[in-house]
Protein backbone atom coordinates (compact mmCIF):
# COMPACT_ATOMS: atom_id res chain seq x y z
CA UNK A 1 -212.74 -40.30 -61.87
CA UNK A 2 -211.83 -42.68 -59.03
CA UNK A 3 -215.25 -44.40 -59.33
CA UNK A 4 -214.60 -44.99 -63.00
CA UNK A 5 -211.14 -46.37 -62.27
CA UNK A 6 -212.56 -48.63 -59.54
CA UNK A 7 -215.22 -49.89 -61.98
CA UNK A 8 -212.59 -50.63 -64.66
CA UNK A 9 -210.40 -52.45 -62.13
CA UNK A 10 -213.41 -54.48 -60.93
CA UNK A 11 -214.34 -55.46 -64.51
CA UNK A 12 -210.75 -56.43 -65.39
CA UNK A 13 -210.45 -58.48 -62.19
CA UNK A 14 -213.71 -60.29 -62.98
CA UNK A 15 -212.52 -61.12 -66.53
CA UNK A 16 -209.15 -62.33 -65.21
CA UNK A 17 -210.82 -64.62 -62.69
CA UNK A 18 -213.16 -66.02 -65.32
CA UNK A 19 -210.26 -66.60 -67.71
CA UNK A 20 -208.20 -68.41 -65.05
CA UNK A 21 -211.19 -70.51 -64.00
CA UNK A 22 -211.95 -71.50 -67.61
CA UNK A 23 -208.31 -72.30 -68.36
CA UNK A 24 -207.87 -74.63 -65.38
CA UNK A 25 -210.99 -76.63 -66.29
CA UNK A 26 -209.72 -77.26 -69.82
CA UNK A 27 -206.66 -79.12 -68.53
CA UNK A 28 -208.47 -81.31 -66.02
CA UNK A 29 -207.82 -85.01 -66.70
CA UNK A 30 -210.99 -87.11 -66.65
CA UNK A 31 -210.85 -90.33 -64.67
CA UNK A 32 -210.21 -93.55 -66.58
CA UNK A 33 -213.31 -95.58 -67.39
CA UNK A 34 -211.59 -98.77 -66.26
CA UNK A 35 -209.08 -98.98 -63.42
CA UNK A 36 -207.08 -101.93 -62.17
CA UNK A 37 -204.56 -104.55 -63.18
CA UNK A 38 -204.74 -106.06 -66.66
CA UNK A 39 -202.65 -108.68 -68.40
CA UNK A 40 -201.85 -107.99 -72.02
CA UNK A 41 -200.78 -110.23 -74.86
CA UNK A 42 -199.34 -109.41 -78.25
CA UNK A 43 -199.44 -112.11 -80.93
CA UNK A 44 -196.67 -111.52 -83.48
CA UNK A 45 -196.51 -114.27 -86.08
CA UNK A 46 -195.97 -117.47 -84.06
CA UNK A 47 -194.69 -115.75 -80.87
CA UNK A 48 -196.29 -113.88 -78.01
CA UNK A 49 -195.17 -110.96 -75.88
CA UNK A 50 -196.86 -110.67 -72.49
CA UNK A 51 -196.99 -108.29 -69.55
CA UNK A 52 -199.25 -106.30 -67.28
CA UNK A 53 -200.81 -102.85 -67.35
CA UNK A 54 -201.73 -101.10 -64.11
CA UNK A 55 -204.29 -98.43 -64.89
CA UNK A 56 -205.14 -95.73 -62.36
CA UNK A 57 -207.52 -92.80 -62.60
CA UNK A 58 -204.91 -90.64 -64.35
CA UNK A 59 -201.89 -92.92 -64.90
CA UNK A 60 -200.95 -96.16 -66.62
CA UNK A 61 -197.87 -98.29 -65.93
CA UNK A 62 -196.64 -101.09 -68.16
CA UNK A 63 -194.56 -104.07 -67.02
CA UNK A 64 -193.51 -106.48 -69.79
CA UNK A 65 -192.52 -110.04 -68.83
CA UNK A 66 -189.37 -109.74 -70.97
CA UNK A 67 -187.35 -106.63 -71.59
CA UNK A 68 -188.35 -103.11 -70.67
CA UNK A 69 -190.54 -100.25 -71.87
CA UNK A 70 -190.14 -96.50 -71.65
CA UNK A 71 -192.79 -93.82 -71.96
CA UNK A 72 -192.92 -92.63 -75.54
CA UNK A 73 -195.38 -89.80 -74.78
CA UNK A 74 -198.82 -89.11 -73.43
CA UNK A 75 -201.16 -87.86 -76.09
CA UNK A 76 -204.63 -86.62 -75.31
CA UNK A 77 -205.79 -87.25 -71.76
CA UNK A 78 -205.89 -90.97 -71.09
CA UNK A 79 -203.91 -91.90 -74.20
CA UNK A 80 -200.60 -93.56 -73.35
CA UNK A 81 -197.75 -94.83 -75.55
CA UNK A 82 -194.66 -96.87 -74.75
CA UNK A 83 -191.62 -97.94 -76.71
CA UNK A 84 -190.55 -101.42 -75.63
CA UNK A 85 -187.49 -103.54 -76.32
CA UNK A 86 -188.30 -106.24 -78.79
CA UNK A 87 -187.17 -109.82 -78.89
CA UNK A 88 -186.20 -112.20 -81.63
CA UNK A 89 -186.38 -110.51 -85.02
CA UNK A 90 -188.22 -107.46 -83.69
CA UNK A 91 -185.99 -104.58 -82.60
CA UNK A 92 -188.80 -102.67 -80.88
CA UNK A 93 -192.48 -102.82 -80.10
CA UNK A 94 -194.69 -99.73 -79.76
CA UNK A 95 -197.72 -100.08 -77.49
CA UNK A 96 -200.64 -97.63 -77.29
CA UNK A 97 -203.47 -97.59 -74.76
CA UNK A 98 -206.71 -95.61 -74.61
CA UNK A 99 -207.71 -95.66 -70.94
CA UNK A 100 -210.91 -93.70 -71.57
CA UNK A 101 -212.63 -96.01 -74.03
CA UNK A 102 -215.67 -97.92 -72.82
CA UNK A 103 -213.65 -101.15 -72.74
CA UNK A 104 -209.88 -101.60 -72.33
CA UNK A 105 -208.41 -101.07 -75.78
CA UNK A 106 -204.93 -100.84 -77.12
CA UNK A 107 -202.80 -101.51 -80.15
CA UNK A 108 -199.23 -102.44 -80.98
CA UNK A 109 -196.80 -102.17 -83.85
CA UNK A 110 -193.45 -103.89 -84.23
CA UNK A 111 -190.67 -103.40 -86.73
CA UNK A 112 -188.30 -106.08 -87.88
CA UNK A 113 -185.78 -106.41 -90.68
CA UNK A 114 -186.55 -108.48 -93.75
CA UNK A 115 -183.72 -109.59 -96.03
CA UNK A 116 -184.49 -109.32 -99.71
CA UNK A 117 -182.46 -110.02 -102.85
CA UNK A 118 -181.75 -108.03 -105.97
CA UNK A 119 -179.72 -108.64 -109.11
CA UNK A 120 -177.16 -105.98 -109.97
CA UNK A 121 -174.65 -105.55 -112.71
CA UNK A 122 -171.04 -105.81 -111.54
CA UNK A 123 -169.22 -105.64 -114.88
CA UNK A 124 -170.02 -103.56 -117.94
CA UNK A 125 -168.64 -103.91 -121.48
CA UNK A 126 -169.15 -102.07 -124.70
CA UNK A 127 -170.82 -104.03 -127.52
CA UNK A 128 -170.11 -103.81 -131.26
CA UNK A 129 -172.60 -100.93 -131.60
CA UNK A 130 -170.76 -98.90 -128.95
CA UNK A 131 -173.44 -99.36 -126.30
CA UNK A 132 -172.54 -100.01 -122.68
CA UNK A 133 -174.08 -103.32 -121.59
CA UNK A 134 -173.89 -105.52 -118.53
CA UNK A 135 -171.68 -108.55 -118.96
CA UNK A 136 -171.81 -109.95 -115.41
CA UNK A 137 -174.64 -109.99 -112.86
CA UNK A 138 -174.53 -110.69 -109.14
CA UNK A 139 -177.27 -111.36 -106.61
CA UNK A 140 -177.05 -109.17 -103.49
CA UNK A 141 -178.91 -109.32 -100.21
CA UNK A 142 -180.26 -106.13 -98.63
CA UNK A 143 -182.33 -105.39 -95.54
CA UNK A 144 -185.57 -103.43 -95.35
CA UNK A 145 -187.67 -102.60 -92.27
CA UNK A 146 -191.14 -104.15 -92.16
CA UNK A 147 -193.84 -103.18 -89.68
CA UNK A 148 -196.57 -105.40 -88.33
CA UNK A 149 -199.40 -104.23 -86.10
CA UNK A 150 -202.45 -105.47 -84.28
CA UNK A 151 -204.84 -105.18 -81.38
CA UNK A 152 -203.55 -105.44 -77.81
CA UNK A 153 -205.31 -108.39 -76.16
CA UNK A 154 -206.20 -107.36 -72.59
CA UNK A 155 -207.81 -109.20 -69.71
CA UNK A 156 -208.60 -107.95 -66.20
CA UNK A 157 -206.69 -109.77 -63.46
CA UNK A 158 -208.06 -107.78 -60.51
CA UNK A 159 -209.25 -104.46 -59.16
CA UNK A 160 -211.62 -103.44 -61.98
C-alpha cells in the first residue's frame, strides 16, 4: 500500500510541476522587435502634437511635448495605450502602440466638440381644425462629440 501511495504522490508531483512550468511560460513577455528612442507626430487637421516614445524590451514610456499622458492600459504583450491631455479643440488624445510589430507602428484618436444647429418649435397654437401646430420656430445650437483618428508618425532618434 505504501508503494502505491508513493507512486500516486510521485505522479501528482510530476503533473503539478508540469502545470506550473507550462503556466509560467504562457505569461512570459517577448522582447520588443524595436528598442530605443522615437519621436512621434500626430497630424490633426492643421495642427501637430509631438513627443517621444522610449521603448524598452518590455516597457514603453511616452513623453508629449505639451501636456501629459497617463497609462490607459496594457493590452496583449507589447501593446500599450495612453490617454493624453489634448490641446485646442481636442479634450483628449488616445495613443496606441504595438511594440512587437516588424516596424514601429501606432495609432491615435482624438475627440473634440462640434457645435451644430437645429430648428425647434417654441410656441404652439391650435388651428381652425383643432390641430396643434407650431407658430414660432427658434434655431438652437447644440454640441456633439466627434472623433478623428490616424496613424502615429514615428521616427527613430537613437538607440535602435
